[in-house]
């Protein structure tokens, strides 16, 4: 993850004319089926495309484990197309080459061995990071952005290279006895002897707004976190508001890994980047600061010392907008090159829409492929060639793939014919010990988002106005392993909160904002994922005369109650719902 030591950049070699000619042919992108242009990969005569995968990974009921494993450059290699042999990746191989394209995914192993890409509302690839020599290099969230290096650049690796994988695979339900493979497809160009001069090696600078020292680099973009009235929360910029203590917790999550200062005396060239964010996110923006002629000595202490380089916009295919993983991220175009000098500081921020909902455990990441030296004739200096760099910025990014079928949120907002909890008669008072959570159920007033759930179990338990409600997650005990626990949240949603469960529904948009985090006792690298406790207590819940519940009497007449019902759900397993009725 971010914050680890980086490999030293290696000065690049000159390009040959043939590579430049091939690059020009790739500047024009091919259209996607939905009409969006798609970035095309580089091409070399001796390039081979390989499919790679991990060994089988067990998936446990409700899991959301942050785990680490080891792998190789291309385990279980198979040739997809091209002249090469899969034997190049055998153990003990001395071969080296350049990865010029990296396409990540995940498939489930069905009975009989059939491989199926699971739907995001079922099994969720929360994130996976491939680290080379301890440095994050390739990565994916459920948006599955592809790395496509421009012509003449690639990540040089050994065929038998050891890699670390940080994986967080999320089972949104109770299903058991399932297995998946993490998969990646690579375009591999072999190194030659003497060394080829048509490809320049790159390294990755991992920019993360909330990274090191956190292993789980997340922050909360809560509804109402907005300092200028535009309904957007820009992190970390707006989290650094000293006049509002509400931002203090988020300010503590800001990472030094959001920026990088060029140390190479001969400068560096940025050649590729693409952002990663979570639902609710709009873009990840990349900027550079260079100290100018002003009296200050810090790069960026004057607005004239900061230039925009790129904005990775999220394209949501989801009809409801920025609420699900039905999204693709923009990457830099094939002709995007930025020439930097020693001392330049590159940094990022991320923007979330906080008008309609809160977005807990959010991310903002932009890995940059960087080459040593700044002698690429296509590269533009953001200060010396300001107009050219601004033109590249204004042109915007390009998608690396179109809409993914597995990310279509078919379950969200499906009408389950469940009653509105606000229209049900009251259940018993909330037990003095609070509400227990067991077997993926809130045991008092809870319900499961499936058709035909018994109305009698959905009746909202009652409390008096101004009281709080405590919860105890019995699905997670301190003595249990990560695999044995199921971590749950109590997150407010707007009533009725009774439609189908997906990634895009429910939303954390309750009239009284609360969220417990993931209740449980994560071990090892999962300790930051969980709260370290099974208990949670809501803020005071109050009767609202403007939101009085209405029920039907036995005679069928409508009756207004002096009561207000609040609904909540589990962000980790959104099929779990519940309600609390506050009486005056």
Protein backbone atom coordinates (compact mmCIF):
# COMPACT_ATOMS: atom_id res chain seq x y z
CA UNK A 1 0.00 0.00 0.00
CA UNK A 2 0.93 3.67 -0.11
CA UNK A 3 3.77 4.93 2.03
CA UNK A 4 6.22 2.15 1.25
CA UNK A 5 9.72 2.84 -0.15
CA UNK A 6 9.77 3.49 -3.88
CA UNK A 7 12.15 2.10 -6.46
CA UNK A 8 14.61 4.64 -7.82
CA UNK A 9 13.66 5.90 -11.26
CA UNK A 10 15.97 4.76 -14.02
CA UNK A 11 16.92 7.31 -16.70
CA UNK A 12 15.20 6.45 -19.97
CA UNK A 13 16.72 5.57 -23.34
CA UNK A 14 16.08 7.29 -26.66
CA UNK A 15 13.16 6.12 -28.75
CA UNK A 16 13.66 4.75 -32.22
CA UNK A 17 11.75 6.29 -35.09
CA UNK A 18 9.62 3.19 -35.64
CA UNK A 19 8.23 3.37 -32.11
CA UNK A 20 7.23 6.99 -32.60
CA UNK A 21 5.48 6.19 -35.85
CA UNK A 22 3.56 3.37 -34.20
CA UNK A 23 2.56 5.72 -31.39
CA UNK A 24 1.03 8.24 -33.81
CA UNK A 25 -1.20 5.49 -35.22
CA UNK A 26 -2.58 4.86 -31.73
CA UNK A 27 -3.55 8.41 -30.80
CA UNK A 28 -7.00 7.99 -32.35
CA UNK A 29 -9.14 5.84 -30.05
CA UNK A 30 -11.65 3.26 -31.24
CA UNK A 31 -15.28 3.87 -30.27
CA UNK A 32 -16.97 1.71 -27.65
CA UNK A 33 -20.30 0.03 -28.29
CA UNK A 34 -22.02 2.65 -26.13
CA UNK A 35 -20.45 5.46 -28.14
CA UNK A 36 -17.66 6.33 -25.72
CA UNK A 37 -14.11 6.30 -27.10
CA UNK A 38 -11.92 3.62 -25.56
CA UNK A 39 -8.15 3.86 -25.12
CA UNK A 40 -6.37 1.40 -27.40
CA UNK A 41 -3.33 -0.57 -26.22
CA UNK A 42 0.18 -0.26 -27.57
CA UNK A 43 1.38 -2.86 -30.07
CA UNK A 44 4.73 -4.51 -30.77
CA UNK A 45 5.57 -7.24 -33.31
CA UNK A 46 6.81 -9.66 -30.64
CA UNK A 47 4.08 -8.90 -28.06
CA UNK A 48 2.06 -11.75 -26.52
CA UNK A 49 -1.13 -11.51 -24.47
CA UNK A 50 -1.32 -13.89 -21.50
CA UNK A 51 -4.05 -14.72 -19.03
CA UNK A 52 -2.91 -15.12 -15.42
CA UNK A 53 -4.69 -16.10 -12.21
CA UNK A 54 -4.20 -16.90 -8.56
CA UNK A 55 -4.91 -20.22 -6.92
CA UNK A 56 -8.49 -20.66 -5.72
CA UNK A 57 -9.53 -18.30 -2.91
CA UNK A 58 -12.22 -19.41 -0.46
CA UNK A 59 -15.12 -17.02 0.10
CA UNK A 60 -16.79 -17.12 3.52
CA UNK A 61 -20.28 -15.94 4.54
CA UNK A 62 -20.43 -12.16 4.69
CA UNK A 63 -16.66 -11.70 4.50
CA UNK A 64 -14.96 -8.36 3.93
CA UNK A 65 -11.42 -9.34 4.87
CA UNK A 66 -8.40 -7.16 4.05
CA UNK A 67 -5.73 -9.77 3.33
CA UNK A 68 -2.25 -10.21 1.87
CA UNK A 69 -0.92 -13.02 -0.27
CA UNK A 70 2.02 -13.74 -2.58
CA UNK A 71 1.98 -14.46 -6.29
CA UNK A 72 4.13 -14.40 -9.43
CA UNK A 73 4.15 -12.24 -12.54
CA UNK A 74 1.80 -14.58 -14.39
CA UNK A 75 0.85 -17.77 -12.52
CA UNK A 76 -1.12 -20.41 -14.44
CA UNK A 77 -0.18 -18.56 -17.62
CA UNK A 78 -2.06 -19.27 -20.85
CA UNK A 79 -1.48 -17.67 -24.23
CA UNK A 80 -4.44 -15.59 -25.40
CA UNK A 81 -2.82 -14.40 -28.61
CA UNK A 82 0.65 -13.71 -29.97
CA UNK A 83 3.86 -15.62 -30.74
CA UNK A 84 5.10 -16.31 -27.21
CA UNK A 85 4.95 -19.42 -25.05
CA UNK A 86 3.48 -19.73 -21.56
CA UNK A 87 6.70 -21.51 -20.55
CA UNK A 88 8.38 -18.12 -20.20
CA UNK A 89 6.70 -17.81 -16.78
CA UNK A 90 7.85 -21.19 -15.47
CA UNK A 91 9.61 -21.30 -12.12
CA UNK A 92 13.28 -20.45 -12.46
CA UNK A 93 12.83 -18.58 -15.72
CA UNK A 94 15.47 -15.89 -16.28
CA UNK A 95 13.35 -14.04 -18.84
CA UNK A 96 12.49 -10.39 -18.44
CA UNK A 97 10.00 -8.26 -20.28
CA UNK A 98 7.71 -5.25 -20.27
CA UNK A 99 4.07 -5.28 -19.18
CA UNK A 100 2.37 -2.72 -21.41
CA UNK A 101 -1.25 -3.59 -20.57
CA UNK A 102 -2.79 -4.94 -17.37
CA UNK A 103 -6.46 -5.97 -17.24
CA UNK A 104 -7.71 -7.09 -13.77
CA UNK A 105 -10.84 -9.02 -12.87
CA UNK A 106 -12.28 -11.79 -10.68
CA UNK A 107 -14.13 -14.97 -11.63
CA UNK A 108 -16.06 -17.47 -9.54
CA UNK A 109 -15.40 -21.18 -9.88
CA UNK A 110 -18.79 -22.83 -10.32
CA UNK A 111 -19.48 -26.55 -9.69
CA UNK A 112 -17.99 -28.46 -12.58
CA UNK A 113 -15.26 -25.89 -13.06
CA UNK A 114 -17.12 -23.30 -15.12
CA UNK A 115 -15.76 -19.78 -14.58
CA UNK A 116 -18.28 -16.93 -14.23
CA UNK A 117 -17.67 -13.27 -13.48
CA UNK A 118 -19.83 -12.63 -10.38
CA UNK A 119 -22.26 -9.73 -10.14
CA UNK A 120 -21.09 -6.84 -8.01
CA UNK A 121 -24.17 -7.04 -5.77
CA UNK A 122 -23.21 -10.63 -4.93
CA UNK A 123 -19.42 -10.99 -4.71
CA UNK A 124 -17.58 -7.70 -4.68
CA UNK A 125 -13.96 -7.09 -5.60
CA UNK A 126 -13.58 -4.26 -3.11
CA UNK A 127 -9.94 -3.77 -4.07
CA UNK A 128 -6.83 -5.65 -5.08
CA UNK A 129 -3.30 -4.25 -5.33
CA UNK A 130 -0.32 -5.96 -6.96
CA UNK A 131 2.92 -4.78 -5.30
CA UNK A 132 6.31 -5.16 -6.98
CA UNK A 133 9.35 -5.06 -4.68
CA UNK A 134 7.06 -3.67 -1.97
CA UNK A 135 5.71 -0.91 -4.21
CA UNK A 136 2.04 -0.81 -5.32
CA UNK A 137 2.16 -1.15 -9.09
CA UNK A 138 -1.12 -2.41 -10.55
CA UNK A 139 -4.51 -2.23 -8.87
CA UNK A 140 -8.25 -2.53 -9.27
CA UNK A 141 -11.52 -1.85 -7.58
CA UNK A 142 -14.83 -3.08 -8.93
CA UNK A 143 -14.59 -0.53 -11.75
CA UNK A 144 -11.68 -2.66 -13.12
CA UNK A 145 -9.77 0.11 -14.85
CA UNK A 146 -7.15 -1.25 -17.26
CA UNK A 147 -3.58 0.00 -17.40
CA UNK A 148 -2.68 0.71 -21.03
CA UNK A 149 0.78 2.21 -21.36
CA UNK A 150 1.35 4.50 -24.34
CA UNK A 151 3.53 3.27 -27.17
CA UNK A 152 7.15 3.16 -26.12
CA UNK A 153 6.62 2.60 -22.38
CA UNK A 154 6.16 -0.41 -20.11
CA UNK A 155 6.67 -1.79 -16.61
CA UNK A 156 9.80 -3.95 -16.75
CA UNK A 157 9.56 -7.12 -14.65
CA UNK A 158 11.09 -10.55 -14.39
CA UNK A 159 8.96 -13.45 -15.63
CA UNK A 160 9.56 -15.31 -12.34
CA UNK A 161 9.14 -12.16 -10.22
CA UNK A 162 7.63 -12.43 -6.72
CA UNK A 163 4.68 -10.10 -6.09
CA UNK A 164 2.56 -9.27 -3.07
CA UNK A 165 -1.20 -9.00 -3.43
CA UNK A 166 -3.38 -6.97 -1.06
CA UNK A 167 -6.90 -8.24 -1.65
CA UNK A 168 -10.24 -7.35 -0.13
CA UNK A 169 -12.97 -9.62 -1.43
CA UNK A 170 -16.47 -8.95 -0.16
CA UNK A 171 -19.36 -11.39 0.07
CA UNK A 172 -22.52 -9.30 0.40
CA UNK A 173 -24.61 -12.25 1.61
CA UNK A 174 -24.55 -15.39 3.73
CA UNK A 175 -23.54 -17.82 0.98
CA UNK A 176 -20.80 -20.33 1.75
CA UNK A 177 -18.65 -22.91 -0.02
CA UNK A 178 -17.65 -20.58 -2.84
CA UNK A 179 -14.29 -19.99 -4.49
CA UNK A 180 -12.89 -17.35 -6.83
CA UNK A 181 -9.77 -16.63 -8.83
CA UNK A 182 -8.27 -13.18 -9.07
CA UNK A 183 -7.39 -12.84 -12.73
CA UNK A 184 -5.28 -10.50 -14.82
CA UNK A 185 -4.48 -10.35 -18.50
CA UNK A 186 -1.19 -8.82 -19.58
CA UNK A 187 0.42 -7.73 -22.81
CA UNK A 188 4.03 -8.89 -22.48
CA UNK A 189 6.90 -7.67 -24.65
CA UNK A 190 10.13 -9.66 -24.11
CA UNK A 191 13.41 -7.92 -23.36
CA UNK A 192 16.06 -8.55 -25.99
CA UNK A 193 19.84 -8.91 -25.98
CA UNK A 194 21.17 -6.32 -26.55
CA UNK A 195 18.48 -4.46 -24.63
CA UNK A 196 15.70 -3.07 -26.76
CA UNK A 197 15.49 0.69 -27.23
CA UNK A 198 11.87 1.00 -28.35
CA UNK A 199 10.46 0.70 -24.82
CA UNK A 200 11.36 2.86 -21.86
CA UNK A 201 10.87 1.39 -18.38
CA UNK A 202 8.43 2.99 -15.95
CA UNK A 203 7.83 2.89 -12.24
CA UNK A 204 4.63 3.68 -10.38
CA UNK A 205 4.13 6.60 -8.02
CA UNK A 206 1.13 5.70 -5.91
CA UNK A 207 -0.83 8.82 -4.92
CA UNK A 208 -3.42 8.20 -2.20
CA UNK A 209 -5.34 10.90 -0.34
CA UNK A 210 -5.78 8.71 2.75
CA UNK A 211 -2.94 6.21 2.57
CA UNK A 212 0.05 5.62 4.83
CA UNK A 213 0.22 5.16 7.75
CA UNK A 214 -3.20 3.55 7.26
CA UNK A 215 -3.19 0.07 5.74
CA UNK A 216 -6.88 0.54 4.92
CA UNK A 217 -6.73 3.97 3.24
CA UNK A 218 -10.27 5.30 3.63
CA UNK A 219 -12.09 8.42 4.78
CA UNK A 220 -15.75 9.39 5.20
CA UNK A 221 -17.48 11.79 2.80
CA UNK A 222 -20.54 12.52 4.88
CA UNK A 223 -23.69 14.27 3.83
CA UNK A 224 -23.30 17.96 4.63
CA UNK A 225 -19.49 17.91 4.51
CA UNK A 226 -19.37 21.00 2.30
CA UNK A 227 -17.57 24.24 3.09
CA UNK A 228 -18.65 26.34 0.10
CA UNK A 229 -22.25 25.36 -0.63
CA UNK A 230 -21.65 23.42 -3.86
CA UNK A 231 -22.84 20.06 -2.43
CA UNK A 232 -19.36 18.60 -3.01
CA UNK A 233 -16.78 17.38 -0.53
CA UNK A 234 -13.24 17.75 -1.87
CA UNK A 235 -10.83 15.63 0.15
CA UNK A 236 -8.45 16.51 1.62
CA UNK A 237 -8.93 20.21 0.82
CA UNK A 238 -12.25 20.68 2.62
CA UNK A 239 -11.25 18.41 5.48
CA UNK A 240 -8.65 20.99 6.49
CA UNK A 241 -11.29 23.43 7.78
CA UNK A 242 -9.98 24.60 11.16
CA UNK A 243 -13.20 26.44 12.01
CA UNK A 244 -15.40 23.33 12.05
CA UNK A 245 -14.61 20.50 14.50
CA UNK A 246 -16.86 18.15 12.51
CA UNK A 247 -14.00 17.70 10.05
CA UNK A 248 -11.34 16.91 12.64
CA UNK A 249 -11.61 13.13 12.33
CA UNK A 250 -11.33 13.24 8.54
CA UNK A 251 -8.44 15.69 8.70
CA UNK A 252 -6.56 13.08 10.72
CA UNK A 253 -6.80 10.67 7.79
CA UNK A 254 -5.00 12.90 5.30
CA UNK A 255 -1.92 11.14 3.99
CA UNK A 256 1.47 12.43 2.96
CA UNK A 257 1.15 9.87 0.16
CA UNK A 258 -1.24 12.21 -1.66
CA UNK A 259 1.82 14.01 -3.05
CA UNK A 260 5.21 13.18 -4.50
CA UNK A 261 8.20 15.44 -5.08
CA UNK A 262 10.47 14.71 -8.05
CA UNK A 263 13.97 13.91 -6.79
CA UNK A 264 15.62 12.78 -10.02
CA UNK A 265 18.18 15.48 -11.06
CA UNK A 266 17.30 14.87 -14.72
CA UNK A 267 13.57 15.21 -14.04
CA UNK A 268 10.77 12.77 -14.76
CA UNK A 269 8.04 12.18 -17.34
CA UNK A 270 4.46 11.25 -16.45
CA UNK A 271 3.04 8.90 -19.07
CA UNK A 272 -0.14 7.28 -17.68
CA UNK A 273 -2.61 7.64 -14.84
CA UNK A 274 -6.18 6.70 -13.92
CA UNK A 275 -8.14 7.40 -10.75
CA UNK A 276 -9.90 5.10 -8.32
CA UNK A 277 -12.81 6.16 -6.14
CA UNK A 278 -15.96 4.68 -4.61
CA UNK A 279 -19.66 5.23 -5.35
CA UNK A 280 -20.56 8.85 -4.75
CA UNK A 281 -17.19 9.92 -6.12
CA UNK A 282 -17.02 12.22 -9.13
CA UNK A 283 -13.35 12.60 -9.99
CA UNK A 284 -9.74 12.35 -8.90
CA UNK A 285 -7.76 15.45 -9.87
CA UNK A 286 -4.00 15.65 -10.47
CA UNK A 287 -2.01 18.88 -10.05
CA UNK A 288 1.60 20.03 -9.87
CA UNK A 289 3.30 22.79 -7.90
CA UNK A 290 6.65 24.43 -8.73
CA UNK A 291 8.31 27.10 -6.66
CA UNK A 292 8.38 30.40 -8.51
CA UNK A 293 10.02 33.79 -8.21
CA UNK A 294 7.93 34.88 -5.21
CA UNK A 295 9.42 35.42 -1.78
CA UNK A 296 8.22 32.05 -0.53
CA UNK A 297 10.31 28.91 -0.72
CA UNK A 298 7.54 26.30 -0.91
CA UNK A 299 6.13 25.04 -4.21
CA UNK A 300 2.47 25.97 -4.34
CA UNK A 301 2.40 28.77 -1.76
CA UNK A 302 1.21 31.09 -4.55
CA UNK A 303 -1.68 30.20 -6.93
CA UNK A 304 0.52 30.90 -9.94
CA UNK A 305 2.76 28.04 -8.84
CA UNK A 306 0.04 25.38 -9.29
CA UNK A 307 -1.11 23.88 -12.61
CA UNK A 308 -3.82 21.33 -13.42
CA UNK A 309 -2.50 18.21 -15.14
CA UNK A 310 -5.40 15.76 -15.42
CA UNK A 311 -8.83 14.96 -14.01
CA UNK A 312 -9.95 11.33 -13.96
CA UNK A 313 -13.73 11.60 -14.19
CA UNK A 314 -16.11 8.81 -13.21
CA UNK A 315 -18.60 7.84 -15.90
CA UNK A 316 -21.66 6.32 -14.23
CA UNK A 317 -23.80 4.11 -16.44
CA UNK A 318 -26.17 3.63 -13.49
CA UNK A 319 -29.43 5.48 -14.33
CA UNK A 320 -29.70 6.75 -10.75
CA UNK A 321 -26.32 8.46 -11.04
CA UNK A 322 -23.29 8.24 -8.78
CA UNK A 323 -24.65 5.60 -6.40
CA UNK A 324 -23.26 2.26 -7.57
CA UNK A 325 -20.26 0.45 -9.03
CA UNK A 326 -21.82 0.65 -12.52
CA UNK A 327 -19.03 3.02 -13.45
CA UNK A 328 -15.86 3.35 -15.51
CA UNK A 329 -12.96 5.70 -14.80
CA UNK A 330 -11.15 7.90 -17.26
CA UNK A 331 -7.41 7.46 -17.87
CA UNK A 332 -4.91 9.74 -19.56
CA UNK A 333 -4.93 9.71 -23.35
CA UNK A 334 -2.21 8.10 -25.50
CA UNK A 335 -0.56 11.43 -26.28
CA UNK A 336 -0.60 12.74 -22.69
CA UNK A 337 2.94 13.43 -21.46
CA UNK A 338 4.04 15.72 -18.64
CA UNK A 339 7.67 16.80 -18.27
CA UNK A 340 8.69 17.56 -14.67
CA UNK A 341 11.77 19.09 -13.08
CA UNK A 342 13.54 18.11 -9.88
CA UNK A 343 11.65 19.68 -6.97
CA UNK A 344 8.22 19.67 -8.65
CA UNK A 345 5.49 18.45 -6.28
CA UNK A 346 2.65 16.39 -7.79
CA UNK A 347 -0.50 15.90 -5.71
CA UNK A 348 -4.16 14.80 -5.95
CA UNK A 349 -7.57 15.39 -4.44
CA UNK A 350 -10.90 13.58 -4.85
CA UNK A 351 -14.44 14.95 -5.07
CA UNK A 352 -17.61 13.30 -3.71
CA UNK A 353 -21.23 14.39 -4.13
CA UNK A 354 -22.53 14.74 -0.57
CA UNK A 355 -25.96 16.18 -1.36
CA UNK A 356 -27.96 12.97 -1.59
CA UNK A 357 -26.12 10.65 0.82
CA UNK A 358 -23.09 9.96 2.98
CA UNK A 359 -20.31 7.79 1.61
CA UNK A 360 -18.44 5.91 4.32
CA UNK A 361 -15.06 4.23 3.80
CA UNK A 362 -14.34 6.19 0.62
CA UNK A 363 -11.11 6.24 -1.37
CA UNK A 364 -9.22 8.57 -3.69
CA UNK A 365 -6.21 7.05 -5.46
CA UNK A 366 -4.31 7.80 -8.66
CA UNK A 367 -1.30 5.62 -9.55
CA UNK A 368 1.05 7.35 -11.99
CA UNK A 369 3.36 5.59 -14.44
CA UNK A 370 6.59 7.60 -14.41
CA UNK A 371 9.73 7.38 -16.54
CA UNK A 372 13.08 8.77 -15.46
CA UNK A 373 14.33 11.78 -17.40
CA UNK A 374 12.27 14.28 -19.38
CA UNK A 375 13.63 13.86 -22.91
CA UNK A 376 10.42 12.55 -24.53
CA UNK A 377 9.80 15.00 -27.40
CA UNK A 378 6.04 14.71 -26.84
CA UNK A 379 6.25 15.71 -23.18
CA UNK A 380 5.10 19.19 -22.19
CA UNK A 381 6.30 21.23 -19.24
CA UNK A 382 3.30 22.52 -17.24
CA UNK A 383 4.92 25.94 -16.74
CA UNK A 384 7.05 26.43 -19.84
CA UNK A 385 4.36 24.92 -22.11
CA UNK A 386 1.35 26.06 -20.08
CA UNK A 387 -1.00 26.44 -23.06
CA UNK A 388 -0.24 22.93 -24.35
CA UNK A 389 -0.70 21.35 -20.92
CA UNK A 390 -3.95 23.26 -20.43
CA UNK A 391 -5.15 21.97 -23.81
CA UNK A 392 -4.44 18.37 -22.74
CA UNK A 393 -6.27 19.01 -19.49
CA UNK A 394 -9.26 20.53 -21.29
CA UNK A 395 -9.43 17.59 -23.69
CA UNK A 396 -10.02 15.35 -20.69
CA UNK A 397 -9.47 11.66 -20.19
CA UNK A 398 -10.57 8.52 -21.97
CA UNK A 399 -12.16 5.30 -20.71
CA UNK A 400 -10.15 2.08 -20.70
CA UNK A 401 -13.27 -0.06 -21.09
CA UNK A 402 -17.01 0.31 -21.59
CA UNK A 403 -19.88 -0.74 -19.37
CA UNK A 404 -19.30 -3.99 -17.48
CA UNK A 405 -22.26 -6.37 -17.42
CA UNK A 406 -21.38 -7.63 -13.95
CA UNK A 407 -21.61 -4.10 -12.54
CA UNK A 408 -25.22 -3.51 -13.59
CA UNK A 409 -27.06 -3.25 -10.28
CA UNK A 410 -30.13 -5.32 -11.16
CA UNK A 411 -31.10 -5.97 -7.54
CA UNK A 412 -31.12 -2.36 -6.35
CA UNK A 413 -34.52 -0.70 -5.88
CA UNK A 414 -36.42 -3.78 -7.03
CA UNK A 415 -39.98 -3.62 -5.64
CA UNK A 416 -40.19 -6.47 -3.14
CA UNK A 417 -43.81 -5.69 -2.16
CA UNK A 418 -42.67 -5.16 1.42
CA UNK A 419 -44.67 -2.74 3.58
CA UNK A 420 -43.38 0.64 4.61
CA UNK A 421 -42.26 0.38 8.27
CA UNK A 422 -43.77 3.83 8.89
CA UNK A 423 -47.19 2.42 8.06
CA UNK A 424 -46.96 -0.62 10.34
CA UNK A 425 -48.31 -0.86 13.85
CA UNK A 426 -45.74 -0.61 16.61
CA UNK A 427 -43.89 -3.59 17.92
CA UNK A 428 -42.73 -4.04 21.51
CA UNK A 429 -40.39 -1.56 23.19
CA UNK A 430 -36.72 -1.87 22.36
CA UNK A 431 -35.26 -4.37 24.87
CA UNK A 432 -33.35 -2.86 27.75
CA UNK A 433 -30.21 -4.57 26.47
CA UNK A 434 -30.65 -3.09 23.01
CA UNK A 435 -30.93 -4.82 19.65
CA UNK A 436 -28.90 -7.96 19.05
CA UNK A 437 -27.54 -8.87 15.62
CA UNK A 438 -27.34 -12.58 14.92
CA UNK A 439 -27.24 -14.68 11.74
CA UNK A 440 -27.39 -11.57 9.54
CA UNK A 441 -30.54 -10.25 11.24
CA UNK A 442 -31.37 -7.34 13.51
CA UNK A 443 -33.41 -9.41 15.95
CA UNK A 444 -35.86 -6.69 17.05
CA UNK A 445 -37.63 -4.83 14.26
CA UNK A 446 -35.23 -6.13 11.65
CA UNK A 447 -36.14 -7.54 8.26
CA UNK A 448 -34.46 -9.03 5.24
CA UNK A 449 -34.88 -7.40 1.84
CA UNK A 450 -36.54 -10.36 0.17
CA UNK A 451 -40.07 -10.77 -1.08
CA UNK A 452 -42.53 -12.28 1.34
CA UNK A 453 -40.71 -11.38 4.54
CA UNK A 454 -43.25 -11.67 7.42
CA UNK A 455 -44.87 -8.33 8.21
CA UNK A 456 -45.26 -9.34 11.85
CA UNK A 457 -41.45 -9.35 12.27
CA UNK A 458 -41.09 -5.93 10.65
CA UNK A 459 -43.08 -4.00 13.27
CA UNK A 460 -40.90 -1.13 14.54
CA UNK A 461 -39.89 -1.40 18.20
CA UNK A 462 -40.38 1.80 20.19
CA UNK A 463 -38.33 4.21 22.25
CA UNK A 464 -39.17 7.59 23.72
CA UNK A 465 -38.03 10.78 22.02
CA UNK A 466 -34.41 11.67 22.78
CA UNK A 467 -33.36 8.15 23.69
CA UNK A 468 -30.60 6.18 22.00
CA UNK A 469 -30.55 2.58 20.83
CA UNK A 470 -27.66 0.20 21.40
CA UNK A 471 -26.69 -2.74 19.17
CA UNK A 472 -24.55 -5.81 19.77
CA UNK A 473 -23.14 -7.79 16.83
CA UNK A 474 -23.18 -11.41 17.96
CA UNK A 475 -21.90 -12.52 14.54
CA UNK A 476 -18.43 -11.29 15.54
CA UNK A 477 -16.66 -12.38 18.72
CA UNK A 478 -13.15 -11.40 19.84
CA UNK A 479 -12.05 -15.05 19.94
CA UNK A 480 -13.04 -15.72 16.34
CA UNK A 481 -10.82 -15.58 13.26
CA UNK A 482 -11.53 -13.13 10.46
CA UNK A 483 -13.10 -15.95 8.47
CA UNK A 484 -15.46 -16.89 11.30
CA UNK A 485 -16.73 -13.35 11.89
CA UNK A 486 -19.34 -11.37 9.95
CA UNK A 487 -18.94 -7.62 10.34
CA UNK A 488 -22.09 -5.49 10.21
CA UNK A 489 -22.94 -1.81 10.29
CA UNK A 490 -25.93 0.18 11.54
CA UNK A 491 -26.34 2.97 8.99
CA UNK A 492 -29.28 5.34 8.72
CA UNK A 493 -31.32 5.34 5.50
CA UNK A 494 -34.41 7.24 4.46
CA UNK A 495 -37.68 5.37 5.08
CA UNK A 496 -39.13 3.14 3.80
CA UNK A 497 -35.72 1.55 3.02
CA UNK A 498 -37.58 -1.57 1.91
CA UNK A 499 -36.59 -2.14 -1.72
CA UNK A 500 -34.14 -4.58 -3.25
CA UNK A 501 -30.56 -4.69 -2.03
CA UNK A 502 -27.66 -3.84 -4.29
CA UNK A 503 -24.64 -1.58 -4.36
CA UNK A 504 -26.85 1.39 -5.24
CA UNK A 505 -29.56 0.86 -2.61
CA UNK A 506 -30.08 1.63 0.19
CA UNK A 507 -28.19 4.90 0.48
CA UNK A 508 -26.84 6.35 3.71
CA UNK A 509 -29.32 9.23 3.60
CA UNK A 510 -31.37 9.05 6.80
CA UNK A 511 -32.80 12.27 8.27
CA UNK A 512 -30.67 11.69 11.37
CA UNK A 513 -27.18 10.74 10.24
CA UNK A 514 -25.49 7.81 11.95
CA UNK A 515 -23.13 4.97 11.06
CA UNK A 516 -21.46 2.44 13.32
CA UNK A 517 -18.59 1.44 11.07
CA UNK A 518 -17.97 -2.28 10.66
CA UNK A 519 -18.65 -3.86 14.04
CA UNK A 520 -16.22 -6.66 14.74
CA UNK A 521 -12.75 -7.69 15.75
CA UNK A 522 -10.63 -7.73 12.61
CA UNK A 523 -7.28 -9.44 12.99
CA UNK A 524 -3.99 -8.47 11.36
CA UNK A 525 -4.40 -6.22 8.34
CA UNK A 526 -8.17 -6.26 8.88
CA UNK A 527 -7.91 -4.55 12.26
CA UNK A 528 -8.35 -1.13 10.61
CA UNK A 529 -11.41 -2.34 8.70
CA UNK A 530 -13.40 -2.95 11.86
CA UNK A 531 -14.30 -0.89 14.92
CA UNK A 532 -12.59 -3.32 17.30
CA UNK A 533 -15.88 -3.72 19.16
CA UNK A 534 -19.25 -5.39 18.69
CA UNK A 535 -21.23 -2.59 20.37
CA UNK A 536 -22.72 0.60 18.95
CA UNK A 537 -25.07 3.24 20.28
CA UNK A 538 -26.98 5.60 18.01
CA UNK A 539 -27.18 9.34 18.60
CA UNK A 540 -30.44 10.49 20.27
CA UNK A 541 -33.44 9.80 18.04
CA UNK A 542 -36.20 12.38 18.28
CA UNK A 543 -39.89 12.63 17.49
CA UNK A 544 -40.43 14.87 14.47
CA UNK A 545 -43.97 16.31 14.17
CA UNK A 546 -43.34 16.88 10.46
CA UNK A 547 -42.64 13.18 9.93
CA UNK A 548 -45.46 11.57 11.86
CA UNK A 549 -46.18 7.92 11.08
CA UNK A 550 -49.54 6.98 9.56
CA UNK A 551 -51.08 3.54 10.13
CA UNK A 552 -54.35 1.91 9.21
CA UNK A 553 -56.91 1.01 11.85
CA UNK A 554 -58.87 -2.24 11.82
CA UNK A 555 -61.67 -0.37 10.10
CA UNK A 556 -59.27 0.64 7.33
CA UNK A 557 -59.08 4.31 8.28
CA UNK A 558 -55.76 6.18 8.35
CA UNK A 559 -54.54 7.20 11.76
CA UNK A 560 -51.70 9.63 12.45
CA UNK A 561 -49.45 8.65 15.32
CA UNK A 562 -47.43 10.92 17.55
CA UNK A 563 -44.42 8.91 16.43
CA UNK A 564 -41.59 9.00 13.90
CA UNK A 565 -39.97 5.88 12.51
CA UNK A 566 -36.29 5.78 11.50
CA UNK A 567 -34.87 3.07 9.26
CA UNK A 568 -31.35 1.70 8.95
CA UNK A 569 -29.38 -0.94 7.06
CA UNK A 570 -26.05 -2.76 6.96
CA UNK A 571 -23.61 -1.27 4.47
CA UNK A 572 -21.66 -4.52 4.37
CA UNK A 573 -24.72 -6.71 3.73
CA UNK A 574 -27.41 -4.37 2.38
CA UNK A 575 -30.10 -7.03 2.46
CA UNK A 576 -30.18 -6.41 6.24
CA UNK A 577 -32.67 -3.69 7.27
CA UNK A 578 -34.35 -2.50 10.45
CA UNK A 579 -36.47 0.25 11.96
CA UNK A 580 -36.96 2.12 15.25
CA UNK A 581 -40.12 4.07 16.17
CA UNK A 582 -39.75 7.16 18.36
CA UNK A 583 -42.90 8.06 20.30
CA UNK A 584 -43.66 11.40 21.88
